[in-house]
Amino acid sequence: MKSINELQDEVIEEFSDFDDWMDKYQLLIDLGSEQQPLPAEYKTDENLIDGCQSRVWLHADLQNGKLVFQAESDALIVKGIVSLLIKVVSGHTPNEILDTDLYFIERVGLKEHLSPTRSNGLASMVKKMRIYALAYKTKEEQQ
């Protein structure tokens, strides 16, 4: 299993193949299209992320001590963004997720090329992933 930073570097590499932002948006849309749909039982208000202009559901399960994320969005680019986040952090322990600086977001230029509302949405997705990690870490420590 690759580390979160190795995965971030892969994403940066993938995006650096494109100079034009239209191509980068297309890459995000393609990533979103490849993502498995979220099972209907997880499309709940509890899994809905606040602060996103479009609707984004994020669900996490703990499997063998590692967090596995699933998500869905009704907007293609947003679905691509959340699938990027999942690609990088899913399958890692709560501690690894909490201790990581997600530097790829800035390095691929997502921060500067997203509208303010999409940037807020991205920050909310990262925050929700960290909240899940913290909740599962706390639960593990109490057992």
C-alpha atoms as a PDB file:
ATOM      1  CA  MET A   1       0.000   0.000   0.000  1.00  0.00           C
ATOM      2  CA  LYS A   2       1.347   3.403  -0.955  1.00  0.00           C
ATOM      3  CA  SER A   3       1.636   6.194   1.595  1.00  0.00           C
ATOM      4  CA  ILE A   4      -0.629   9.236   1.412  1.00  0.00           C
ATOM      5  CA  ASN A   5       2.314  11.365   0.245  1.00  0.00           C
ATOM      6  CA  GLU A   6       3.218   8.896  -2.528  1.00  0.00           C
ATOM      7  CA  LEU A   7      -0.390   9.055  -3.705  1.00  0.00           C
ATOM      8  CA  GLN A   8      -0.373  12.870  -3.541  1.00  0.00           C
ATOM      9  CA  ASP A   9       2.791  12.914  -5.662  1.00  0.00           C
ATOM     10  CA  GLU A  10       1.099  10.646  -8.240  1.00  0.00           C
ATOM     11  CA  VAL A  11      -1.837  13.051  -8.479  1.00  0.00           C
ATOM     12  CA  ILE A  12       0.533  16.019  -8.896  1.00  0.00           C
ATOM     13  CA  GLU A  13       2.369  14.098 -11.630  1.00  0.00           C
ATOM     14  CA  GLU A  14      -0.900  13.260 -13.402  1.00  0.00           C
ATOM     15  CA  PHE A  15      -2.011  16.899 -13.399  1.00  0.00           C
ATOM     16  CA  SER A  16       1.394  18.188 -14.509  1.00  0.00           C
ATOM     17  CA  ASP A  17       0.866  16.412 -17.853  1.00  0.00           C
ATOM     18  CA  PHE A  18      -1.635  19.150 -18.731  1.00  0.00           C
ATOM     19  CA  ASP A  19      -0.902  22.853 -19.168  1.00  0.00           C
ATOM     20  CA  ASP A  20      -4.410  23.928 -20.031  1.00  0.00           C
ATOM     21  CA  TRP A  21      -6.989  24.154 -17.247  1.00  0.00           C
ATOM     22  CA  MET A  22      -9.731  22.932 -19.572  1.00  0.00           C
ATOM     23  CA  ASP A  23      -7.787  19.645 -19.817  1.00  0.00           C
ATOM     24  CA  LYS A  24      -7.403  19.517 -16.039  1.00  0.00           C
ATOM     25  CA  TYR A  25     -11.149  20.024 -15.607  1.00  0.00           C
ATOM     26  CA  GLN A  26     -11.682  17.210 -18.110  1.00  0.00           C
ATOM     27  CA  LEU A  27      -9.390  14.983 -16.022  1.00  0.00           C
ATOM     28  CA  LEU A  28     -11.509  15.776 -12.937  1.00  0.00           C
ATOM     29  CA  ILE A  29     -14.710  14.987 -14.846  1.00  0.00           C
ATOM     30  CA  ASP A  30     -13.217  11.690 -16.047  1.00  0.00           C
ATOM     31  CA  LEU A  31     -12.174  10.773 -12.502  1.00  0.00           C
ATOM     32  CA  GLY A  32     -15.675  11.553 -11.280  1.00  0.00           C
ATOM     33  CA  SER A  33     -17.223   9.415 -14.028  1.00  0.00           C
ATOM     34  CA  GLU A  34     -15.045   6.425 -13.078  1.00  0.00           C
ATOM     35  CA  GLN A  35     -16.107   6.566  -9.458  1.00  0.00           C
ATOM     36  CA  GLN A  36     -18.477   3.886  -8.161  1.00  0.00           C
ATOM     37  CA  PRO A  37     -21.923   5.274  -7.311  1.00  0.00           C
ATOM     38  CA  LEU A  38     -22.635   5.615  -3.607  1.00  0.00           C
ATOM     39  CA  PRO A  39     -25.154   3.028  -2.338  1.00  0.00           C
ATOM     40  CA  ALA A  40     -28.540   4.682  -1.760  1.00  0.00           C
ATOM     41  CA  GLU A  41     -28.561   3.913   1.980  1.00  0.00           C
ATOM     42  CA  TYR A  42     -25.581   6.264   2.438  1.00  0.00           C
ATOM     43  CA  LYS A  43     -27.254   9.216   0.724  1.00  0.00           C
ATOM     44  CA  THR A  44     -28.485  10.586   4.033  1.00  0.00           C
ATOM     45  CA  ASP A  45     -28.600  14.087   5.494  1.00  0.00           C
ATOM     46  CA  GLU A  46     -25.961  12.967   7.985  1.00  0.00           C
ATOM     47  CA  ASN A  47     -23.528  12.192   5.127  1.00  0.00           C
ATOM     48  CA  LEU A  48     -24.320  15.388   3.221  1.00  0.00           C
ATOM     49  CA  ILE A  49     -21.449  17.887   3.371  1.00  0.00           C
ATOM     50  CA  ASP A  50     -22.274  21.403   4.508  1.00  0.00           C
ATOM     51  CA  GLY A  51     -20.693  24.288   2.640  1.00  0.00           C
ATOM     52  CA  CYS A  52     -20.895  22.739  -0.824  1.00  0.00           C
ATOM     53  CA  GLN A  53     -22.863  24.450  -3.549  1.00  0.00           C
ATOM     54  CA  SER A  54     -23.728  21.088  -5.095  1.00  0.00           C
ATOM     55  CA  ARG A  55     -24.815  18.085  -3.092  1.00  0.00           C
ATOM     56  CA  VAL A  56     -21.973  15.852  -1.895  1.00  0.00           C
ATOM     57  CA  TRP A  57     -22.387  12.773   0.264  1.00  0.00           C
ATOM     58  CA  LEU A  58     -19.382  11.278   2.032  1.00  0.00           C
ATOM     59  CA  HIS A  59     -19.429   7.986   3.912  1.00  0.00           C
ATOM     60  CA  ALA A  60     -16.622   6.249   5.800  1.00  0.00           C
ATOM     61  CA  ASP A  61     -16.220   2.754   7.211  1.00  0.00           C
ATOM     62  CA  LEU A  62     -13.399   1.380   9.313  1.00  0.00           C
ATOM     63  CA  GLN A  63     -12.066  -1.842   7.780  1.00  0.00           C
ATOM     64  CA  ASN A  64      -9.105  -3.585   9.449  1.00  0.00           C
ATOM     65  CA  GLY A  65      -8.078  -0.353  11.170  1.00  0.00           C
ATOM     66  CA  LYS A  66      -8.175   1.678   7.942  1.00  0.00           C
ATOM     67  CA  LEU A  67     -10.758   4.213   6.816  1.00  0.00           C
ATOM     68  CA  VAL A  68     -12.482   3.477   3.526  1.00  0.00           C
ATOM     69  CA  PHE A  69     -14.343   6.398   1.990  1.00  0.00           C
ATOM     70  CA  GLN A  70     -17.166   6.425  -0.537  1.00  0.00           C
ATOM     71  CA  ALA A  71     -18.769   9.527  -2.000  1.00  0.00           C
ATOM     72  CA  GLU A  72     -21.173  10.852  -4.571  1.00  0.00           C
ATOM     73  CA  SER A  73     -22.002  14.268  -5.957  1.00  0.00           C
ATOM     74  CA  ASP A  74     -24.588  15.594  -8.378  1.00  0.00           C
ATOM     75  CA  ALA A  75     -21.958  17.834 -10.040  1.00  0.00           C
ATOM     76  CA  LEU A  76     -19.320  16.255 -12.300  1.00  0.00           C
ATOM     77  CA  ILE A  77     -16.325  18.416 -11.360  1.00  0.00           C
ATOM     78  CA  VAL A  78     -17.149  18.143  -7.657  1.00  0.00           C
ATOM     79  CA  LYS A  79     -17.468  14.375  -8.046  1.00  0.00           C
ATOM     80  CA  GLY A  80     -13.988  14.429  -9.596  1.00  0.00           C
ATOM     81  CA  ILE A  81     -12.592  16.477  -6.711  1.00  0.00           C
ATOM     82  CA  VAL A  82     -14.027  14.157  -4.069  1.00  0.00           C
ATOM     83  CA  SER A  83     -12.784  11.105  -5.982  1.00  0.00           C
ATOM     84  CA  LEU A  84      -9.272  12.639  -5.958  1.00  0.00           C
ATOM     85  CA  LEU A  85      -9.478  13.065  -2.190  1.00  0.00           C
ATOM     86  CA  ILE A  86     -10.649   9.454  -1.817  1.00  0.00           C
ATOM     87  CA  LYS A  87      -7.838   8.225  -4.061  1.00  0.00           C
ATOM     88  CA  VAL A  88      -5.315   9.911  -1.753  1.00  0.00           C
ATOM     89  CA  VAL A  89      -6.679   9.218   1.759  1.00  0.00           C
ATOM     90  CA  SER A  90      -8.915   6.144   1.562  1.00  0.00           C
ATOM     91  CA  GLY A  91      -7.376   2.941   2.887  1.00  0.00           C
ATOM     92  CA  HIS A  92      -5.209   4.649   5.508  1.00  0.00           C
ATOM     93  CA  THR A  93      -5.443   4.689   9.295  1.00  0.00           C
ATOM     94  CA  PRO A  94      -7.215   7.523  11.127  1.00  0.00           C
ATOM     95  CA  ASN A  95      -3.820   8.685  12.480  1.00  0.00           C
ATOM     96  CA  GLU A  96      -2.242   8.794   9.015  1.00  0.00           C
ATOM     97  CA  ILE A  97      -5.160  10.871   7.749  1.00  0.00           C
ATOM     98  CA  LEU A  98      -5.052  13.247  10.718  1.00  0.00           C
ATOM     99  CA  ASP A  99      -1.267  13.692  10.465  1.00  0.00           C
ATOM    100  CA  THR A 100      -1.230  14.459   6.742  1.00  0.00           C
ATOM    101  CA  ASP A 101      -0.843  17.806   5.063  1.00  0.00           C
ATOM    102  CA  LEU A 102      -2.838  17.529   1.834  1.00  0.00           C
ATOM    103  CA  TYR A 103      -0.364  19.575  -0.208  1.00  0.00           C
ATOM    104  CA  PHE A 104      -1.519  18.208  -3.576  1.00  0.00           C
ATOM    105  CA  ILE A 105      -4.589  20.477  -3.539  1.00  0.00           C
ATOM    106  CA  GLU A 106      -2.416  23.573  -3.805  1.00  0.00           C
ATOM    107  CA  ARG A 107       0.282  22.025  -6.021  1.00  0.00           C
ATOM    108  CA  VAL A 108      -2.114  20.983  -8.794  1.00  0.00           C
ATOM    109  CA  GLY A 109      -3.658  24.462  -8.677  1.00  0.00           C
ATOM    110  CA  LEU A 110      -7.102  23.429  -7.476  1.00  0.00           C
ATOM    111  CA  LYS A 111      -7.259  26.214  -4.903  1.00  0.00           C
ATOM    112  CA  GLU A 112      -6.691  29.016  -7.386  1.00  0.00           C
ATOM    113  CA  HIS A 113      -8.756  27.551 -10.246  1.00  0.00           C
ATOM    114  CA  LEU A 114     -11.918  26.722  -8.356  1.00  0.00           C
ATOM    115  CA  SER A 115     -14.666  29.234  -7.752  1.00  0.00           C
ATOM    116  CA  PRO A 116     -14.871  30.467  -4.128  1.00  0.00           C
ATOM    117  CA  THR A 117     -17.918  28.280  -3.474  1.00  0.00           C
ATOM    118  CA  ARG A 118     -16.165  25.183  -4.868  1.00  0.00           C
ATOM    119  CA  SER A 119     -13.051  26.012  -2.806  1.00  0.00           C
ATOM    120  CA  ASN A 120     -15.244  26.192   0.300  1.00  0.00           C
ATOM    121  CA  GLY A 121     -16.782  22.878  -0.697  1.00  0.00           C
ATOM    122  CA  LEU A 122     -13.340  21.317  -1.082  1.00  0.00           C
ATOM    123  CA  ALA A 123     -12.313  22.590   2.367  1.00  0.00           C
ATOM    124  CA  SER A 124     -15.565  21.147   3.783  1.00  0.00           C
ATOM    125  CA  MET A 125     -14.839  17.739   2.195  1.00  0.00           C
ATOM    126  CA  VAL A 126     -11.341  17.645   3.716  1.00  0.00           C
ATOM    127  CA  LYS A 127     -12.754  18.741   7.083  1.00  0.00           C
ATOM    128  CA  LYS A 128     -15.429  16.006   6.978  1.00  0.00           C
ATOM    129  CA  MET A 129     -12.765  13.368   6.181  1.00  0.00           C
ATOM    130  CA  ARG A 130     -10.699  14.551   9.155  1.00  0.00           C
ATOM    131  CA  ILE A 131     -13.803  14.499  11.388  1.00  0.00           C
ATOM    132  CA  TYR A 132     -14.449  10.865  10.390  1.00  0.00           C
ATOM    133  CA  ALA A 133     -10.792  10.025  11.091  1.00  0.00           C
ATOM    134  CA  LEU A 134     -10.963  11.706  14.500  1.00  0.00           C
ATOM    135  CA  ALA A 135     -14.247   9.968  15.380  1.00  0.00           C
ATOM    136  CA  TYR A 136     -12.879   6.525  14.485  1.00  0.00           C
ATOM    137  CA  LYS A 137      -9.588   7.219  16.283  1.00  0.00           C
ATOM    138  CA  THR A 138     -11.481   8.239  19.439  1.00  0.00           C
ATOM    139  CA  LYS A 139     -13.720   5.166  19.176  1.00  0.00           C
ATOM    140  CA  GLU A 140     -10.636   2.890  18.855  1.00  0.00           C
ATOM    141  CA  GLU A 141      -8.985   4.489  21.890  1.00  0.00           C
ATOM    142  CA  GLN A 142     -12.103   3.930  23.997  1.00  0.00           C
ATOM    143  CA  GLN A 143     -12.285   0.221  23.233  1.00  0.00           C
END
